[in-house]
Amino acid sequence: MKRNFAFDKTNYILLAVGMAVVVIGFLLMSGAGSTESTYNPDIFSARRIKVAPLVCLAGFVSMIFAVVYRKKEAGNDFQDSEEKGVKE
């Protein structure tokens, strides 16, 4: 008996990749900050305020795609042909 799960192996792989991309984005944002006694201009670098948020956004979008992704099943040929108006 085959169970119908909401996610397939492909969905879990895509979710893991998306999560890894988000973690990479957060790692790109991290670094030494400014303190009360010293100012660090690196907190306004392009890597921290432009690249890292875009990497995180790409990771979140890919995770959303992983949730809604569904593989085409081979058993739906009759349903597809019926929608097109083709009779077997």
Protein backbone atom coordinates (compact mmCIF):
# COMPACT_ATOMS: atom_id res chain seq x y z
CA MET A 1 0.00 0.00 0.00
CA LYS A 2 1.45 3.33 -1.08
CA ARG A 3 0.96 6.23 1.28
CA ASN A 4 0.25 9.69 -0.07
CA PHE A 5 2.37 12.14 1.86
CA ALA A 6 2.13 15.87 1.38
CA PHE A 7 5.84 16.11 0.51
CA ASP A 8 8.01 13.95 -1.67
CA LYS A 9 11.76 13.34 -1.36
CA THR A 10 12.32 16.13 -3.89
CA ASN A 11 10.41 18.59 -1.72
CA TYR A 12 12.58 17.80 1.29
CA ILE A 13 15.76 18.22 -0.75
CA LEU A 14 14.56 21.59 -2.09
CA LEU A 15 13.62 22.69 1.45
CA ALA A 16 17.06 21.73 2.75
CA VAL A 17 18.78 23.64 -0.05
CA GLY A 18 16.61 26.70 0.60
CA MET A 19 17.34 26.53 4.32
CA ALA A 20 21.08 26.27 3.62
CA VAL A 21 20.88 29.36 1.38
CA VAL A 22 19.13 31.30 4.16
CA VAL A 23 21.81 30.27 6.65
CA ILE A 24 24.51 31.38 4.19
CA GLY A 25 22.74 34.73 3.90
CA PHE A 26 22.72 35.19 7.66
CA LEU A 27 26.39 34.24 7.84
CA LEU A 28 27.13 36.89 5.21
CA MET A 29 25.35 39.46 7.39
CA SER A 30 27.34 38.59 10.49
CA GLY A 31 30.60 40.17 11.53
CA ALA A 32 32.11 42.55 13.99
CA GLY A 33 29.95 45.51 14.88
CA SER A 34 30.57 48.95 16.26
CA THR A 35 30.89 49.57 19.97
CA GLU A 36 30.48 52.73 22.01
CA SER A 37 34.23 53.40 21.90
CA THR A 38 35.04 52.37 18.31
CA TYR A 39 33.28 52.83 15.00
CA ASN A 40 33.49 50.08 12.42
CA PRO A 41 32.50 51.27 8.91
CA ASP A 42 32.26 47.64 7.77
CA ILE A 43 28.73 47.46 9.20
CA PHE A 44 27.58 49.39 6.12
CA SER A 45 29.44 47.26 3.56
CA ALA A 46 27.66 46.14 0.40
CA ARG A 47 27.99 42.52 1.49
CA ARG A 48 25.98 43.17 4.66
CA ILE A 49 23.28 45.52 3.42
CA LYS A 50 22.79 44.39 -0.20
CA VAL A 51 24.14 40.93 -0.96
CA ALA A 52 23.21 39.07 2.24
CA PRO A 53 19.55 40.18 2.31
CA LEU A 54 19.16 39.19 -1.35
CA VAL A 55 20.69 35.78 -0.62
CA CYS A 56 18.25 35.33 2.28
CA LEU A 57 15.34 36.41 0.09
CA ALA A 58 16.37 33.90 -2.57
CA GLY A 59 16.50 31.19 0.10
CA PHE A 60 13.03 32.04 1.40
CA VAL A 61 11.59 32.12 -2.13
CA SER A 62 13.16 28.75 -2.90
CA MET A 63 11.66 27.34 0.31
CA ILE A 64 8.22 28.57 -0.75
CA PHE A 65 8.77 26.94 -4.15
CA ALA A 66 9.76 23.70 -2.40
CA VAL A 67 6.49 23.69 -0.48
CA VAL A 68 4.28 24.22 -3.54
CA TYR A 69 6.32 22.05 -5.95
CA ARG A 70 4.55 18.92 -7.11
CA LYS A 71 5.96 16.31 -9.46
CA LYS A 72 3.93 15.28 -12.48
CA GLU A 73 2.69 11.76 -11.96
CA ALA A 74 2.82 9.19 -14.76
CA GLY A 75 -0.65 7.88 -13.85
CA ASN A 76 -2.45 11.10 -14.75
CA ASP A 77 -2.20 10.64 -18.54
CA PHE A 78 -5.91 9.88 -18.84
CA GLN A 79 -6.87 12.94 -16.79
CA ASP A 80 -4.57 15.17 -18.88
CA SER A 81 -5.95 13.85 -22.15
CA GLU A 82 -9.51 14.21 -20.86
CA GLU A 83 -8.87 17.89 -20.06
CA LYS A 84 -7.59 18.45 -23.60
CA GLY A 85 -10.65 16.78 -25.10
CA VAL A 86 -8.82 13.76 -26.45
CA LYS A 87 -10.56 10.40 -26.21
CA GLU A 88 -8.63 7.17 -25.97
